[in-house]
Amino acid sequence: MGLLNRNGLYERMMSLAHGLGDQRRIAILHIDLYHFKSINSVLGYDAGDHVLRYSASFLSCIAPDADMVARVGGD
């Protein structure tokens, strides 16, 4: 899917922070897939992987080009 991981997100955020002037702001939206571990436990890892891929694809499609989508979970 090509999403940034936790380290990639940190590097991009640091780069953005260094380039910001007084007039710029950054907004961060953190989405938690509530009870995601239950999907893996009940339906299996293939179903969990499908949910993650679908969520990543959906978010990537609706995010403006200037925005970034990243994954930060370790599961």
PDB file of N, CA and C in Angstrom:
ATOM      1  N   MET A   1       0.835  -1.192   0.000  1.00  0.00           N
ATOM      2  CA  MET A   1       0.000   0.000   0.000  1.00  0.00           C
ATOM      3  C   MET A   1       0.875   1.249   0.000  1.00  0.00           C
ATOM      4  N   GLY A   2       2.113   1.142   0.477  1.00  0.00           N
ATOM      5  CA  GLY A   2       3.005   2.285   0.428  1.00  0.00           C
ATOM      6  C   GLY A   2       2.805   3.302   1.529  1.00  0.00           C
ATOM      7  N   LEU A   3       2.217   2.897   2.646  1.00  0.00           N
ATOM      8  CA  LEU A   3       2.022   3.838   3.755  1.00  0.00           C
ATOM      9  C   LEU A   3       3.323   4.060   4.504  1.00  0.00           C
ATOM     10  N   LEU A   4       3.465   5.254   5.042  1.00  0.00           N
ATOM     11  CA  LEU A   4       4.588   5.511   5.933  1.00  0.00           C
ATOM     12  C   LEU A   4       4.408   4.682   7.206  1.00  0.00           C
ATOM     13  N   ASN A   5       5.505   4.184   7.758  1.00  0.00           N
ATOM     14  CA  ASN A   5       5.429   3.519   9.052  1.00  0.00           C
ATOM     15  C   ASN A   5       5.710   4.554  10.143  1.00  0.00           C
ATOM     16  N   ARG A   6       5.820   4.098  11.376  1.00  0.00           N
ATOM     17  CA  ARG A   6       6.021   5.008  12.507  1.00  0.00           C
ATOM     18  C   ARG A   6       7.279   5.865  12.328  1.00  0.00           C
ATOM     19  N   ASN A   7       8.378   5.249  11.899  1.00  0.00           N
ATOM     20  CA  ASN A   7       9.619   6.009  11.696  1.00  0.00           C
ATOM     21  C   ASN A   7       9.491   7.003  10.551  1.00  0.00           C
ATOM     22  N   GLY A   8       8.863   6.577   9.459  1.00  0.00           N
ATOM     23  CA  GLY A   8       8.656   7.471   8.328  1.00  0.00           C
ATOM     24  C   GLY A   8       7.789   8.656   8.692  1.00  0.00           C
ATOM     25  N   LEU A   9       6.747   8.401   9.477  1.00  0.00           N
ATOM     26  CA  LEU A   9       5.870   9.484   9.938  1.00  0.00           C
ATOM     27  C   LEU A   9       6.652  10.465  10.806  1.00  0.00           C
ATOM     28  N   TYR A  10       7.457   9.938  11.720  1.00  0.00           N
ATOM     29  CA  TYR A  10       8.260  10.800  12.598  1.00  0.00           C
ATOM     30  C   TYR A  10       9.197  11.684  11.770  1.00  0.00           C
ATOM     31  N   GLU A  11       9.864  11.089  10.790  1.00  0.00           N
ATOM     32  CA  GLU A  11      10.787  11.866   9.961  1.00  0.00           C
ATOM     33  C   GLU A  11      10.063  12.949   9.171  1.00  0.00           C
ATOM     34  N   ARG A  12       8.906  12.609   8.592  1.00  0.00           N
ATOM     35  CA  ARG A  12       8.136  13.608   7.839  1.00  0.00           C
ATOM     36  C   ARG A  12       7.629  14.723   8.751  1.00  0.00           C
ATOM     37  N   MET A  13       7.178  14.356   9.951  1.00  0.00           N
ATOM     38  CA  MET A  13       6.677  15.365  10.893  1.00  0.00           C
ATOM     39  C   MET A  13       7.809  16.287  11.347  1.00  0.00           C
ATOM     40  N   MET A  14       8.981  15.730  11.596  1.00  0.00           N
ATOM     41  CA  MET A  14      10.126  16.564  11.977  1.00  0.00           C
ATOM     42  C   MET A  14      10.516  17.497  10.838  1.00  0.00           C
ATOM     43  N   SER A  15      10.494  16.996   9.621  1.00  0.00           N
ATOM     44  CA  SER A  15      10.814  17.818   8.455  1.00  0.00           C
ATOM     45  C   SER A  15       9.804  18.950   8.303  1.00  0.00           C
ATOM     46  N   LEU A  16       8.530  18.633   8.472  1.00  0.00           N
ATOM     47  CA  LEU A  16       7.491  19.669   8.395  1.00  0.00           C
ATOM     48  C   LEU A  16       7.659  20.699   9.505  1.00  0.00           C
ATOM     49  N   ALA A  17       7.934  20.234  10.714  1.00  0.00           N
ATOM     50  CA  ALA A  17       8.072  21.136  11.857  1.00  0.00           C
ATOM     51  C   ALA A  17       9.229  22.109  11.659  1.00  0.00           C
ATOM     52  N   HIS A  18      10.319  21.635  11.065  1.00  0.00           N
ATOM     53  CA  HIS A  18      11.472  22.513  10.839  1.00  0.00           C
ATOM     54  C   HIS A  18      11.183  23.559   9.770  1.00  0.00           C
ATOM     55  N   GLY A  19      10.275  23.254   8.849  1.00  0.00           N
ATOM     56  CA  GLY A  19       9.984  24.178   7.762  1.00  0.00           C
ATOM     57  C   GLY A  19       8.806  25.100   8.015  1.00  0.00           C
ATOM     58  N   LEU A  20       8.177  24.966   9.176  1.00  0.00           N
ATOM     59  CA  LEU A  20       6.995  25.782   9.444  1.00  0.00           C
ATOM     60  C   LEU A  20       7.368  27.203   9.847  1.00  0.00           C
ATOM     61  N   GLY A  21       6.585  28.128   9.347  1.00  0.00           N
ATOM     62  CA  GLY A  21       6.709  29.509   9.815  1.00  0.00           C
ATOM     63  C   GLY A  21       5.670  29.762  10.894  1.00  0.00           C
ATOM     64  N   ASP A  22       5.570  30.984  11.335  1.00  0.00           N
ATOM     65  CA  ASP A  22       4.621  31.329  12.396  1.00  0.00           C
ATOM     66  C   ASP A  22       3.164  31.196  11.951  1.00  0.00           C
ATOM     67  N   GLN A  23       2.914  31.256  10.666  1.00  0.00           N
ATOM     68  CA  GLN A  23       1.547  31.251  10.167  1.00  0.00           C
ATOM     69  C   GLN A  23       1.015  29.853   9.840  1.00  0.00           C
ATOM     70  N   ARG A  24       1.839  28.832   9.948  1.00  0.00           N
ATOM     71  CA  ARG A  24       1.435  27.487   9.539  1.00  0.00           C
ATOM     72  C   ARG A  24       1.044  26.631  10.740  1.00  0.00           C
ATOM     73  N   ARG A  25       0.146  25.693  10.495  1.00  0.00           N
ATOM     74  CA  ARG A  25      -0.285  24.757  11.526  1.00  0.00           C
ATOM     75  C   ARG A  25      -0.352  23.360  10.936  1.00  0.00           C
ATOM     76  N   ILE A  26      -0.230  22.386  11.797  1.00  0.00           N
ATOM     77  CA  ILE A  26      -0.360  20.988  11.405  1.00  0.00           C
ATOM     78  C   ILE A  26      -1.523  20.390  12.191  1.00  0.00           C
ATOM     79  N   ALA A  27      -2.360  19.652  11.513  1.00  0.00           N
ATOM     80  CA  ALA A  27      -3.439  18.918  12.175  1.00  0.00           C
ATOM     81  C   ALA A  27      -3.130  17.430  12.061  1.00  0.00           C
ATOM     82  N   ILE A  28      -3.363  16.709  13.133  1.00  0.00           N
ATOM     83  CA  ILE A  28      -3.124  15.266  13.153  1.00  0.00           C
ATOM     84  C   ILE A  28      -4.432  14.581  13.533  1.00  0.00           C
ATOM     85  N   LEU A  29      -4.807  13.593  12.751  1.00  0.00           N
ATOM     86  CA  LEU A  29      -5.979  12.779  13.045  1.00  0.00           C
ATOM     87  C   LEU A  29      -5.502  11.355  13.274  1.00  0.00           C
ATOM     88  N   HIS A  30      -5.749  10.838  14.446  1.00  0.00           N
ATOM     89  CA  HIS A  30      -5.344   9.465  14.787  1.00  0.00           C
ATOM     90  C   HIS A  30      -6.602   8.611  14.837  1.00  0.00           C
ATOM     91  N   ILE A  31      -6.630   7.568  14.036  1.00  0.00           N
ATOM     92  CA  ILE A  31      -7.788   6.676  13.999  1.00  0.00           C
ATOM     93  C   ILE A  31      -7.379   5.331  14.586  1.00  0.00           C
ATOM     94  N   ASP A  32      -8.132   4.872  15.561  1.00  0.00           N
ATOM     95  CA  ASP A  32      -7.878   3.575  16.181  1.00  0.00           C
ATOM     96  C   ASP A  32      -8.966   2.613  15.727  1.00  0.00           C
ATOM     97  N   LEU A  33      -8.568   1.489  15.163  1.00  0.00           N
ATOM     98  CA  LEU A  33      -9.540   0.475  14.780  1.00  0.00           C
ATOM     99  C   LEU A  33      -9.901  -0.308  16.040  1.00  0.00           C
ATOM    100  N   TYR A  34     -10.943   0.152  16.702  1.00  0.00           N
ATOM    101  CA  TYR A  34     -11.369  -0.368  17.989  1.00  0.00           C
ATOM    102  C   TYR A  34     -11.675  -1.865  17.902  1.00  0.00           C
ATOM    103  N   HIS A  35     -11.141  -2.621  18.809  1.00  0.00           N
ATOM    104  CA  HIS A  35     -11.313  -4.074  18.879  1.00  0.00           C
ATOM    105  C   HIS A  35     -10.746  -4.782  17.654  1.00  0.00           C
ATOM    106  N   PHE A  36      -9.718  -4.212  17.043  1.00  0.00           N
ATOM    107  CA  PHE A  36      -9.138  -4.837  15.862  1.00  0.00           C
ATOM    108  C   PHE A  36      -8.587  -6.223  16.168  1.00  0.00           C
ATOM    109  N   LYS A  37      -8.034  -6.414  17.345  1.00  0.00           N
ATOM    110  CA  LYS A  37      -7.484  -7.729  17.692  1.00  0.00           C
ATOM    111  C   LYS A  37      -8.564  -8.804  17.677  1.00  0.00           C
ATOM    112  N   SER A  38      -9.808  -8.401  17.936  1.00  0.00           N
ATOM    113  CA  SER A  38     -10.915  -9.362  17.880  1.00  0.00           C
ATOM    114  C   SER A  38     -11.128  -9.872  16.463  1.00  0.00           C
ATOM    115  N   ILE A  39     -10.913  -9.019  15.471  1.00  0.00           N
ATOM    116  CA  ILE A  39     -11.054  -9.451  14.077  1.00  0.00           C
ATOM    117  C   ILE A  39     -10.048 -10.557  13.795  1.00  0.00           C
ATOM    118  N   ASN A  40      -8.798 -10.332  14.205  1.00  0.00           N
ATOM    119  CA  ASN A  40      -7.773 -11.362  14.002  1.00  0.00           C
ATOM    120  C   ASN A  40      -8.104 -12.643  14.762  1.00  0.00           C
ATOM    121  N   SER A  41      -8.569 -12.497  15.989  1.00  0.00           N
ATOM    122  CA  SER A  41      -8.849 -13.673  16.821  1.00  0.00           C
ATOM    123  C   SER A  41     -10.040 -14.478  16.316  1.00  0.00           C
ATOM    124  N   VAL A  42     -11.107 -13.780  15.950  1.00  0.00           N
ATOM    125  CA  VAL A  42     -12.343 -14.465  15.571  1.00  0.00           C
ATOM    126  C   VAL A  42     -12.343 -14.870  14.098  1.00  0.00           C
ATOM    127  N   LEU A  43     -11.934 -13.958  13.234  1.00  0.00           N
ATOM    128  CA  LEU A  43     -12.034 -14.204  11.787  1.00  0.00           C
ATOM    129  C   LEU A  43     -10.720 -14.622  11.144  1.00  0.00           C
ATOM    130  N   GLY A  44      -9.614 -14.454  11.855  1.00  0.00           N
ATOM    131  CA  GLY A  44      -8.314 -14.853  11.328  1.00  0.00           C
ATOM    132  C   GLY A  44      -7.510 -13.678  10.780  1.00  0.00           C
ATOM    133  N   TYR A  45      -6.217 -13.932  10.607  1.00  0.00           N
ATOM    134  CA  TYR A  45      -5.302 -12.881  10.177  1.00  0.00           C
ATOM    135  C   TYR A  45      -5.561 -12.416   8.750  1.00  0.00           C
ATOM    136  N   ASP A  46      -6.059 -13.298   7.894  1.00  0.00           N
ATOM    137  CA  ASP A  46      -6.374 -12.875   6.521  1.00  0.00           C
ATOM    138  C   ASP A  46      -7.468 -11.811   6.529  1.00  0.00           C
ATOM    139  N   ALA A  47      -8.474 -12.001   7.377  1.00  0.00           N
ATOM    140  CA  ALA A  47      -9.551 -11.003   7.489  1.00  0.00           C
ATOM    141  C   ALA A  47      -9.004  -9.701   8.071  1.00  0.00           C
ATOM    142  N   GLY A  48      -8.149  -9.810   9.080  1.00  0.00           N
ATOM    143  CA  GLY A  48      -7.537  -8.615   9.666  1.00  0.00           C
ATOM    144  C   GLY A  48      -6.701  -7.859   8.655  1.00  0.00           C
ATOM    145  N   ASP A  49      -5.924  -8.591   7.858  1.00  0.00           N
ATOM    146  CA  ASP A  49      -5.121  -7.953   6.808  1.00  0.00           C
ATOM    147  C   ASP A  49      -6.014  -7.255   5.791  1.00  0.00           C
ATOM    148  N   HIS A  50      -7.141  -7.880   5.454  1.00  0.00           N
ATOM    149  CA  HIS A  50      -8.079  -7.260   4.510  1.00  0.00           C
ATOM    150  C   HIS A  50      -8.632  -5.945   5.067  1.00  0.00           C
ATOM    151  N   VAL A  51      -9.007  -5.954   6.335  1.00  0.00           N
ATOM    152  CA  VAL A  51      -9.522  -4.732   6.966  1.00  0.00           C
ATOM    153  C   VAL A  51      -8.461  -3.627   6.941  1.00  0.00           C
ATOM    154  N   LEU A  52      -7.227  -3.972   7.258  1.00  0.00           N
ATOM    155  CA  LEU A  52      -6.153  -2.979   7.245  1.00  0.00           C
ATOM    156  C   LEU A  52      -5.907  -2.436   5.845  1.00  0.00           C
ATOM    157  N   ARG A  53      -5.864  -3.319   4.860  1.00  0.00           N
ATOM    158  CA  ARG A  53      -5.636  -2.881   3.473  1.00  0.00           C
ATOM    159  C   ARG A  53      -6.774  -2.005   2.977  1.00  0.00           C
ATOM    160  N   TYR A  54      -8.010  -2.413   3.275  1.00  0.00           N
ATOM    161  CA  TYR A  54      -9.169  -1.621   2.849  1.00  0.00           C
ATOM    162  C   TYR A  54      -9.155  -0.248   3.513  1.00  0.00           C
ATOM    163  N   SER A  55      -8.892  -0.214   4.819  1.00  0.00           N
ATOM    164  CA  SER A  55      -8.850   1.058   5.546  1.00  0.00           C
ATOM    165  C   SER A  55      -7.759   1.965   4.992  1.00  0.00           C
ATOM    166  N   ALA A  56      -6.590   1.407   4.748  1.00  0.00           N
ATOM    167  CA  ALA A  56      -5.478   2.193   4.205  1.00  0.00           C
ATOM    168  C   ALA A  56      -5.809   2.721   2.813  1.00  0.00           C
ATOM    169  N   SER A  57      -6.404   1.884   1.988  1.00  0.00           N
ATOM    170  CA  SER A  57      -6.777   2.292   0.633  1.00  0.00           C
ATOM    171  C   SER A  57      -7.822   3.399   0.672  1.00  0.00           C
ATOM    172  N   PHE A  58      -8.828   3.243   1.500  1.00  0.00           N
ATOM    173  CA  PHE A  58      -9.887   4.244   1.619  1.00  0.00           C
ATOM    174  C   PHE A  58      -9.328   5.582   2.080  1.00  0.00           C
ATOM    175  N   LEU A  59      -8.523   5.557   3.142  1.00  0.00           N
ATOM    176  CA  LEU A  59      -7.961   6.799   3.665  1.00  0.00           C
ATOM    177  C   LEU A  59      -7.021   7.461   2.651  1.00  0.00           C
ATOM    178  N   SER A  60      -6.244   6.661   1.957  1.00  0.00           N
ATOM    179  CA  SER A  60      -5.327   7.203   0.948  1.00  0.00           C
ATOM    180  C   SER A  60      -6.091   7.850  -0.202  1.00  0.00           C
ATOM    181  N   CYS A  61      -7.227   7.270  -0.573  1.00  0.00           N
ATOM    182  CA  CYS A  61      -8.024   7.820  -1.677  1.00  0.00           C
ATOM    183  C   CYS A  61      -8.704   9.133  -1.322  1.00  0.00           C
ATOM    184  N   ILE A  62      -9.114   9.280  -0.081  1.00  0.00           N
ATOM    185  CA  ILE A  62      -9.841  10.505   0.286  1.00  0.00           C
ATOM    186  C   ILE A  62      -8.930  11.609   0.818  1.00  0.00           C
ATOM    187  N   ALA A  63      -7.698  11.268   1.125  1.00  0.00           N
ATOM    188  CA  ALA A  63      -6.760  12.279   1.643  1.00  0.00           C
ATOM    189  C   ALA A  63      -6.275  13.167   0.490  1.00  0.00           C
ATOM    190  N   PRO A  64      -6.291  14.480   0.688  1.00  0.00           N
ATOM    191  CA  PRO A  64      -5.740  15.374  -0.330  1.00  0.00           C
ATOM    192  C   PRO A  64      -4.259  15.066  -0.576  1.00  0.00           C
ATOM    193  N   ASP A  65      -3.774  15.454  -1.747  1.00  0.00           N
ATOM    194  CA  ASP A  65      -2.384  15.154  -2.118  1.00  0.00           C
ATOM    195  C   ASP A  65      -1.370  15.692  -1.111  1.00  0.00           C
ATOM    196  N   ALA A  66      -1.678  16.809  -0.483  1.00  0.00           N
ATOM    197  CA  ALA A  66      -0.726  17.414   0.469  1.00  0.00           C
ATOM    198  C   ALA A  66      -0.725  16.689   1.813  1.00  0.00           C
ATOM    199  N   ASP A  67      -1.697  15.812   2.042  1.00  0.00           N
ATOM    200  CA  ASP A  67      -1.793  15.089   3.308  1.00  0.00           C
ATOM    201  C   ASP A  67      -1.048  13.773   3.224  1.00  0.00           C
ATOM    202  N   MET A  68      -0.818  13.172   4.376  1.00  0.00           N
ATOM    203  CA  MET A  68      -0.150  11.873   4.399  1.00  0.00           C
ATOM    204  C   MET A  68      -0.957  10.913   5.273  1.00  0.00           C
ATOM    205  N   VAL A  69      -0.887   9.660   4.907  1.00  0.00           N
ATOM    206  CA  VAL A  69      -1.517   8.587   5.673  1.00  0.00           C
ATOM    207  C   VAL A  69      -0.389   7.665   6.107  1.00  0.00           C
ATOM    208  N   ALA A  70      -0.391   7.295   7.380  1.00  0.00           N
ATOM    209  CA  ALA A  70       0.669   6.439   7.911  1.00  0.00           C
ATOM    210  C   ALA A  70       0.065   5.418   8.866  1.00  0.00           C
ATOM    211  N   ARG A  71       0.807   4.359   9.091  1.00  0.00           N
ATOM    212  CA  ARG A  71       0.396   3.368  10.078  1.00  0.00           C
ATOM    213  C   ARG A  71       1.352   3.448  11.250  1.00  0.00           C
ATOM    214  N   VAL A  72       0.833   3.405  12.442  1.00  0.00           N
ATOM    215  CA  VAL A  72       1.709   3.503  13.613  1.00  0.00           C
ATOM    216  C   VAL A  72       1.584   2.298  14.535  1.00  0.00           C
ATOM    217  N   GLY A  73       0.635   1.422  14.288  1.00  0.00           N
ATOM    218  CA  GLY A  73       0.449   0.253  15.138  1.00  0.00           C
ATOM    219  C   GLY A  73       1.473  -0.814  14.832  1.00  0.00           C
ATOM    220  N   GLY A  74       1.734  -1.655  15.816  1.00  0.00           N
ATOM    221  CA  GLY A  74       2.712  -2.715  15.638  1.00  0.00           C
ATOM    222  C   GLY A  74       2.095  -4.053  15.325  1.00  0.00           C
ATOM    223  N   ASP A  75       0.769  -4.146  15.349  1.00  0.00           N
ATOM    224  CA  ASP A  75       0.092  -5.421  15.132  1.00  0.00           C
ATOM    225  C   ASP A  75      -0.027  -5.722  13.651  1.00  0.00           C
TER     226      ASP A  75
END
